[in-house]
Amino acid sequence: MKKLIPNRTSMTLCIIGLLCLLTYASIGSHIDEDGILIEPFGLIPLFWVFEILAITAYVVQLIKGFNERY
């Protein structure tokens, strides 16, 4: 049961990142009547932050599990 918690953490971060990407795609972008591009640009870096955190959390727990075995 102890090993499920780190996997839940990395999976949760991954899912949040994917939700940011899906939200960005579903909102879309459009050009205002003044010629200004309107888009939810902040969701793209959030996607990458959550994905990098998910990978980092997974690798850290993988290393900890490897060190506990040997």
PDB file of N, CA and C in Angstrom:
ATOM      1  N   MET A   1       0.818  -1.190   0.000  1.00  0.00           N
ATOM      2  CA  MET A   1       0.000   0.000   0.000  1.00  0.00           C
ATOM      3  C   MET A   1       0.864   1.259   0.000  1.00  0.00           C
ATOM      4  N   LYS A   2       2.080   1.126   0.509  1.00  0.00           N
ATOM      5  CA  LYS A   2       2.967   2.275   0.578  1.00  0.00           C
ATOM      6  C   LYS A   2       3.402   2.739  -0.812  1.00  0.00           C
ATOM      7  N   LYS A   3       3.514   1.824  -1.772  1.00  0.00           N
ATOM      8  CA  LYS A   3       3.975   2.182  -3.099  1.00  0.00           C
ATOM      9  C   LYS A   3       2.899   2.866  -3.934  1.00  0.00           C
ATOM     10  N   LEU A   4       1.646   2.772  -3.552  1.00  0.00           N
ATOM     11  CA  LEU A   4       0.587   3.390  -4.336  1.00  0.00           C
ATOM     12  C   LEU A   4       0.569   4.903  -4.194  1.00  0.00           C
ATOM     13  N   ILE A   5       0.978   5.427  -3.064  1.00  0.00           N
ATOM     14  CA  ILE A   5       0.906   6.862  -2.819  1.00  0.00           C
ATOM     15  C   ILE A   5       1.802   7.654  -3.784  1.00  0.00           C
ATOM     16  N   PRO A   6       3.065   7.282  -4.004  1.00  0.00           N
ATOM     17  CA  PRO A   6       3.876   8.036  -4.966  1.00  0.00           C
ATOM     18  C   PRO A   6       3.323   7.930  -6.383  1.00  0.00           C
ATOM     19  N   ASN A   7       2.809   6.765  -6.744  1.00  0.00           N
ATOM     20  CA  ASN A   7       2.250   6.625  -8.075  1.00  0.00           C
ATOM     21  C   ASN A   7       1.001   7.484  -8.226  1.00  0.00           C
ATOM     22  N   ARG A   8       0.224   7.606  -7.156  1.00  0.00           N
ATOM     23  CA  ARG A   8      -0.945   8.483  -7.203  1.00  0.00           C
ATOM     24  C   ARG A   8      -0.517   9.930  -7.381  1.00  0.00           C
ATOM     25  N   THR A   9       0.558  10.302  -6.733  1.00  0.00           N
ATOM     26  CA  THR A   9       1.036  11.680  -6.850  1.00  0.00           C
ATOM     27  C   THR A   9       1.457  11.986  -8.280  1.00  0.00           C
ATOM     28  N   SER A  10       2.250  11.133  -8.869  1.00  0.00           N
ATOM     29  CA  SER A  10       2.707  11.394 -10.230  1.00  0.00           C
ATOM     30  C   SER A  10       1.556  11.291 -11.222  1.00  0.00           C
ATOM     31  N   MET A  11       0.641  10.372 -11.006  1.00  0.00           N
ATOM     32  CA  MET A  11      -0.504  10.250 -11.907  1.00  0.00           C
ATOM     33  C   MET A  11      -1.433  11.463 -11.775  1.00  0.00           C
ATOM     34  N   THR A  12      -1.618  11.957 -10.559  1.00  0.00           N
ATOM     35  CA  THR A  12      -2.465  13.131 -10.353  1.00  0.00           C
ATOM     36  C   THR A  12      -1.866  14.351 -11.038  1.00  0.00           C
ATOM     37  N   LEU A  13      -0.561  14.533 -10.899  1.00  0.00           N
ATOM     38  CA  LEU A  13       0.098  15.654 -11.566  1.00  0.00           C
ATOM     39  C   LEU A  13       0.000  15.535 -13.083  1.00  0.00           C
ATOM     40  N   CYS A  14       0.135  14.327 -13.583  1.00  0.00           N
ATOM     41  CA  CYS A  14       0.032  14.096 -15.022  1.00  0.00           C
ATOM     42  C   CYS A  14      -1.381  14.402 -15.521  1.00  0.00           C
ATOM     43  N   ILE A  15      -2.381  13.974 -14.779  1.00  0.00           N
ATOM     44  CA  ILE A  15      -3.768  14.214 -15.175  1.00  0.00           C
ATOM     45  C   ILE A  15      -4.089  15.708 -15.133  1.00  0.00           C
ATOM     46  N   ILE A  16      -3.605  16.413 -14.115  1.00  0.00           N
ATOM     47  CA  ILE A  16      -3.832  17.860 -14.039  1.00  0.00           C
ATOM     48  C   ILE A  16      -3.185  18.557 -15.243  1.00  0.00           C
ATOM     49  N   GLY A  17      -1.989  18.112 -15.610  1.00  0.00           N
ATOM     50  CA  GLY A  17      -1.330  18.686 -16.784  1.00  0.00           C
ATOM     51  C   GLY A  17      -2.114  18.445 -18.055  1.00  0.00           C
ATOM     52  N   LEU A  18      -2.621  17.239 -18.204  1.00  0.00           N
ATOM     53  CA  LEU A  18      -3.417  16.934 -19.390  1.00  0.00           C
ATOM     54  C   LEU A  18      -4.733  17.716 -19.406  1.00  0.00           C
ATOM     55  N   LEU A  19      -5.300  17.944 -18.230  1.00  0.00           N
ATOM     56  CA  LEU A  19      -6.514  18.764 -18.161  1.00  0.00           C
ATOM     57  C   LEU A  19      -6.233  20.207 -18.586  1.00  0.00           C
ATOM     58  N   CYS A  20      -5.050  20.713 -18.241  1.00  0.00           N
ATOM     59  CA  CYS A  20      -4.668  22.046 -18.705  1.00  0.00           C
ATOM     60  C   CYS A  20      -4.585  22.090 -20.227  1.00  0.00           C
ATOM     61  N   LEU A  21      -4.010  21.062 -20.811  1.00  0.00           N
ATOM     62  CA  LEU A  21      -3.880  21.007 -22.265  1.00  0.00           C
ATOM     63  C   LEU A  21      -5.241  20.871 -22.937  1.00  0.00           C
ATOM     64  N   LEU A  22      -6.100  20.026 -22.391  1.00  0.00           N
ATOM     65  CA  LEU A  22      -7.438  19.869 -22.953  1.00  0.00           C
ATOM     66  C   LEU A  22      -8.270  21.145 -22.808  1.00  0.00           C
ATOM     67  N   THR A  23      -8.097  21.839 -21.691  1.00  0.00           N
ATOM     68  CA  THR A  23      -8.807  23.105 -21.493  1.00  0.00           C
ATOM     69  C   THR A  23      -8.335  24.137 -22.503  1.00  0.00           C
ATOM     70  N   TYR A  24      -7.042  24.179 -22.748  1.00  0.00           N
ATOM     71  CA  TYR A  24      -6.494  25.107 -23.740  1.00  0.00           C
ATOM     72  C   TYR A  24      -7.070  24.814 -25.119  1.00  0.00           C
ATOM     73  N   ALA A  25      -7.144  23.533 -25.457  1.00  0.00           N
ATOM     74  CA  ALA A  25      -7.667  23.159 -26.773  1.00  0.00           C
ATOM     75  C   ALA A  25      -9.167  23.429 -26.883  1.00  0.00           C
ATOM     76  N   SER A  26      -9.899  23.228 -25.799  1.00  0.00           N
ATOM     77  CA  SER A  26     -11.345  23.424 -25.873  1.00  0.00           C
ATOM     78  C   SER A  26     -11.734  24.903 -25.880  1.00  0.00           C
ATOM     79  N   ILE A  27     -10.973  25.748 -25.182  1.00  0.00           N
ATOM     80  CA  ILE A  27     -11.278  27.183 -25.186  1.00  0.00           C
ATOM     81  C   ILE A  27     -10.951  27.779 -26.552  1.00  0.00           C
ATOM     82  N   GLY A  28      -9.827  27.381 -27.102  1.00  0.00           N
ATOM     83  CA  GLY A  28      -9.429  27.897 -28.407  1.00  0.00           C
ATOM     84  C   GLY A  28      -8.947  29.328 -28.341  1.00  0.00           C
ATOM     85  N   SER A  29      -8.713  29.890 -29.517  1.00  0.00           N
ATOM     86  CA  SER A  29      -8.248  31.278 -29.589  1.00  0.00           C
ATOM     87  C   SER A  29      -9.037  31.996 -30.678  1.00  0.00           C
ATOM     88  N   HIS A  30      -9.101  33.289 -30.537  1.00  0.00           N
ATOM     89  CA  HIS A  30      -9.786  34.095 -31.541  1.00  0.00           C
ATOM     90  C   HIS A  30      -9.140  35.477 -31.599  1.00  0.00           C
ATOM     91  N   ILE A  31      -9.445  36.169 -32.667  1.00  0.00           N
ATOM     92  CA  ILE A  31      -8.908  37.514 -32.850  1.00  0.00           C
ATOM     93  C   ILE A  31     -10.006  38.511 -32.498  1.00  0.00           C
ATOM     94  N   ASP A  32      -9.655  39.443 -31.620  1.00  0.00           N
ATOM     95  CA  ASP A  32     -10.573  40.473 -31.167  1.00  0.00           C
ATOM     96  C   ASP A  32     -10.866  41.437 -32.318  1.00  0.00           C
ATOM     97  N   GLU A  33     -11.895  42.262 -32.160  1.00  0.00           N
ATOM     98  CA  GLU A  33     -12.232  43.223 -33.223  1.00  0.00           C
ATOM     99  C   GLU A  33     -11.146  44.276 -33.395  1.00  0.00           C
ATOM    100  N   ASP A  34     -10.275  44.414 -32.396  1.00  0.00           N
ATOM    101  CA  ASP A  34      -9.148  45.348 -32.521  1.00  0.00           C
ATOM    102  C   ASP A  34      -7.921  44.695 -33.147  1.00  0.00           C
ATOM    103  N   GLY A  35      -8.008  43.420 -33.490  1.00  0.00           N
ATOM    104  CA  GLY A  35      -6.890  42.712 -34.096  1.00  0.00           C
ATOM    105  C   GLY A  35      -5.951  42.079 -33.086  1.00  0.00           C
ATOM    106  N   ILE A  36      -6.399  41.921 -31.848  1.00  0.00           N
ATOM    107  CA  ILE A  36      -5.565  41.342 -30.799  1.00  0.00           C
ATOM    108  C   ILE A  36      -5.930  39.861 -30.645  1.00  0.00           C
ATOM    109  N   LEU A  37      -4.921  39.026 -30.593  1.00  0.00           N
ATOM    110  CA  LEU A  37      -5.134  37.594 -30.419  1.00  0.00           C
ATOM    111  C   LEU A  37      -5.496  37.303 -28.965  1.00  0.00           C
ATOM    112  N   ILE A  38      -6.608  36.649 -28.758  1.00  0.00           N
ATOM    113  CA  ILE A  38      -7.074  36.283 -27.424  1.00  0.00           C
ATOM    114  C   ILE A  38      -6.969  34.767 -27.300  1.00  0.00           C
ATOM    115  N   GLU A  39      -6.126  34.320 -26.376  1.00  0.00           N
ATOM    116  CA  GLU A  39      -5.975  32.887 -26.135  1.00  0.00           C
ATOM    117  C   GLU A  39      -5.541  32.663 -24.693  1.00  0.00           C
ATOM    118  N   PRO A  40      -5.858  31.504 -24.131  1.00  0.00           N
ATOM    119  CA  PRO A  40      -5.449  31.191 -22.751  1.00  0.00           C
ATOM    120  C   PRO A  40      -4.010  30.672 -22.725  1.00  0.00           C
ATOM    121  N   PHE A  41      -3.061  31.549 -23.028  1.00  0.00           N
ATOM    122  CA  PHE A  41      -1.659  31.148 -23.169  1.00  0.00           C
ATOM    123  C   PHE A  41      -1.075  30.575 -21.887  1.00  0.00           C
ATOM    124  N   GLY A  42      -1.570  31.003 -20.737  1.00  0.00           N
ATOM    125  CA  GLY A  42      -1.014  30.549 -19.464  1.00  0.00           C
ATOM    126  C   GLY A  42      -1.176  29.061 -19.222  1.00  0.00           C
ATOM    127  N   LEU A  43      -2.092  28.415 -19.932  1.00  0.00           N
ATOM    128  CA  LEU A  43      -2.302  26.981 -19.731  1.00  0.00           C
ATOM    129  C   LEU A  43      -1.189  26.125 -20.355  1.00  0.00           C
ATOM    130  N   ILE A  44      -0.498  26.660 -21.346  1.00  0.00           N
ATOM    131  CA  ILE A  44       0.583  25.887 -21.973  1.00  0.00           C
ATOM    132  C   ILE A  44       1.757  25.694 -21.010  1.00  0.00           C
ATOM    133  N   PRO A  45       2.277  26.751 -20.378  1.00  0.00           N
ATOM    134  CA  PRO A  45       3.355  26.527 -19.406  1.00  0.00           C
ATOM    135  C   PRO A  45       2.907  25.704 -18.203  1.00  0.00           C
ATOM    136  N   LEU A  46       1.643  25.862 -17.790  1.00  0.00           N
ATOM    137  CA  LEU A  46       1.143  25.049 -16.683  1.00  0.00           C
ATOM    138  C   LEU A  46       1.155  23.570 -17.039  1.00  0.00           C
ATOM    139  N   PHE A  47       0.800  23.259 -18.285  1.00  0.00           N
ATOM    140  CA  PHE A  47       0.860  21.868 -18.744  1.00  0.00           C
ATOM    141  C   PHE A  47       2.267  21.325 -18.583  1.00  0.00           C
ATOM    142  N   TRP A  48       3.261  22.073 -19.050  1.00  0.00           N
ATOM    143  CA  TRP A  48       4.640  21.592 -18.980  1.00  0.00           C
ATOM    144  C   TRP A  48       5.142  21.501 -17.548  1.00  0.00           C
ATOM    145  N   VAL A  49       4.750  22.438 -16.702  1.00  0.00           N
ATOM    146  CA  VAL A  49       5.165  22.395 -15.294  1.00  0.00           C
ATOM    147  C   VAL A  49       4.630  21.137 -14.622  1.00  0.00           C
ATOM    148  N   PHE A  50       3.337  20.846 -14.817  1.00  0.00           N
ATOM    149  CA  PHE A  50       2.757  19.672 -14.191  1.00  0.00           C
ATOM    150  C   PHE A  50       3.337  18.371 -14.749  1.00  0.00           C
ATOM    151  N   GLU A  51       3.629  18.335 -16.040  1.00  0.00           N
ATOM    152  CA  GLU A  51       4.211  17.130 -16.615  1.00  0.00           C
ATOM    153  C   GLU A  51       5.645  16.911 -16.114  1.00  0.00           C
ATOM    154  N   ILE A  52       6.426  17.967 -16.008  1.00  0.00           N
ATOM    155  CA  ILE A  52       7.794  17.836 -15.486  1.00  0.00           C
ATOM    156  C   ILE A  52       7.769  17.429 -14.020  1.00  0.00           C
ATOM    157  N   LEU A  53       6.836  17.985 -13.256  1.00  0.00           N
ATOM    158  CA  LEU A  53       6.701  17.578 -11.856  1.00  0.00           C
ATOM    159  C   LEU A  53       6.283  16.114 -11.742  1.00  0.00           C
ATOM    160  N   ALA A  54       5.408  15.658 -12.614  1.00  0.00           N
ATOM    161  CA  ALA A  54       4.972  14.258 -12.589  1.00  0.00           C
ATOM    162  C   ALA A  54       6.142  13.323 -12.897  1.00  0.00           C
ATOM    163  N   ILE A  55       6.929  13.670 -13.894  1.00  0.00           N
ATOM    164  CA  ILE A  55       8.080  12.838 -14.245  1.00  0.00           C
ATOM    165  C   ILE A  55       9.102  12.847 -13.116  1.00  0.00           C
ATOM    166  N   THR A  56       9.337  14.012 -12.533  1.00  0.00           N
ATOM    167  CA  THR A  56      10.290  14.121 -11.431  1.00  0.00           C
ATOM    168  C   THR A  56       9.833  13.301 -10.226  1.00  0.00           C
ATOM    169  N   ALA A  57       8.557  13.398  -9.876  1.00  0.00           N
ATOM    170  CA  ALA A  57       8.038  12.627  -8.749  1.00  0.00           C
ATOM    171  C   ALA A  57       8.159  11.131  -9.001  1.00  0.00           C
ATOM    172  N   TYR A  58       7.904  10.713 -10.222  1.00  0.00           N
ATOM    173  CA  TYR A  58       8.004   9.297 -10.556  1.00  0.00           C
ATOM    174  C   TYR A  58       9.452   8.807 -10.475  1.00  0.00           C
ATOM    175  N   VAL A  59      10.377   9.588 -11.001  1.00  0.00           N
ATOM    176  CA  VAL A  59      11.787   9.190 -10.988  1.00  0.00           C
ATOM    177  C   VAL A  59      12.326   9.158  -9.565  1.00  0.00           C
ATOM    178  N   VAL A  60      11.952  10.130  -8.749  1.00  0.00           N
ATOM    179  CA  VAL A  60      12.411  10.156  -7.356  1.00  0.00           C
ATOM    180  C   VAL A  60      11.918   8.923  -6.611  1.00  0.00           C
ATOM    181  N   GLN A  61      10.661   8.574  -6.784  1.00  0.00           N
ATOM    182  CA  GLN A  61      10.131   7.394  -6.102  1.00  0.00           C
ATOM    183  C   GLN A  61      10.732   6.109  -6.659  1.00  0.00           C
ATOM    184  N   LEU A  62      11.047   6.090  -7.937  1.00  0.00           N
ATOM    185  CA  LEU A  62      11.708   4.931  -8.529  1.00  0.00           C
ATOM    186  C   LEU A  62      13.092   4.750  -7.933  1.00  0.00           C
ATOM    187  N   ILE A  63      13.830   5.829  -7.763  1.00  0.00           N
ATOM    188  CA  ILE A  63      15.169   5.768  -7.170  1.00  0.00           C
ATOM    189  C   ILE A  63      15.083   5.355  -5.696  1.00  0.00           C
ATOM    190  N   LYS A  64      14.114   5.921  -4.966  1.00  0.00           N
ATOM    191  CA  LYS A  64      13.951   5.540  -3.560  1.00  0.00           C
ATOM    192  C   LYS A  64      13.610   4.069  -3.432  1.00  0.00           C
ATOM    193  N   GLY A  65      12.737   3.581  -4.281  1.00  0.00           N
ATOM    194  CA  GLY A  65      12.382   2.160  -4.239  1.00  0.00           C
ATOM    195  C   GLY A  65      13.551   1.266  -4.593  1.00  0.00           C
ATOM    196  N   PHE A  66      14.369   1.712  -5.531  1.00  0.00           N
ATOM    197  CA  PHE A  66      15.548   0.941  -5.917  1.00  0.00           C
ATOM    198  C   PHE A  66      16.550   0.905  -4.770  1.00  0.00           C
ATOM    199  N   ASN A  67      16.739   2.022  -4.066  1.00  0.00           N
ATOM    200  CA  ASN A  67      17.686   2.073  -2.953  1.00  0.00           C
ATOM    201  C   ASN A  67      17.208   1.274  -1.763  1.00  0.00           C
ATOM    202  N   GLU A  68      15.899   1.171  -1.546  1.00  0.00           N
ATOM    203  CA  GLU A  68      15.367   0.395  -0.431  1.00  0.00           C
ATOM    204  C   GLU A  68      15.543  -1.103  -0.651  1.00  0.00           C
ATOM    205  N   ARG A  69      15.530  -1.523  -1.901  1.00  0.00           N
ATOM    206  CA  ARG A  69      15.679  -2.955  -2.204  1.00  0.00           C
ATOM    207  C   ARG A  69      17.103  -3.445  -1.978  1.00  0.00           C
ATOM    208  N   TYR A  70      18.071  -2.580  -2.291  1.00  0.00           N
ATOM    209  CA  TYR A  70      19.471  -3.026  -2.238  1.00  0.00           C
ATOM    210  C   TYR A  70      20.256  -2.321  -1.203  1.00  0.00           C
TER     211      TYR A  70
END
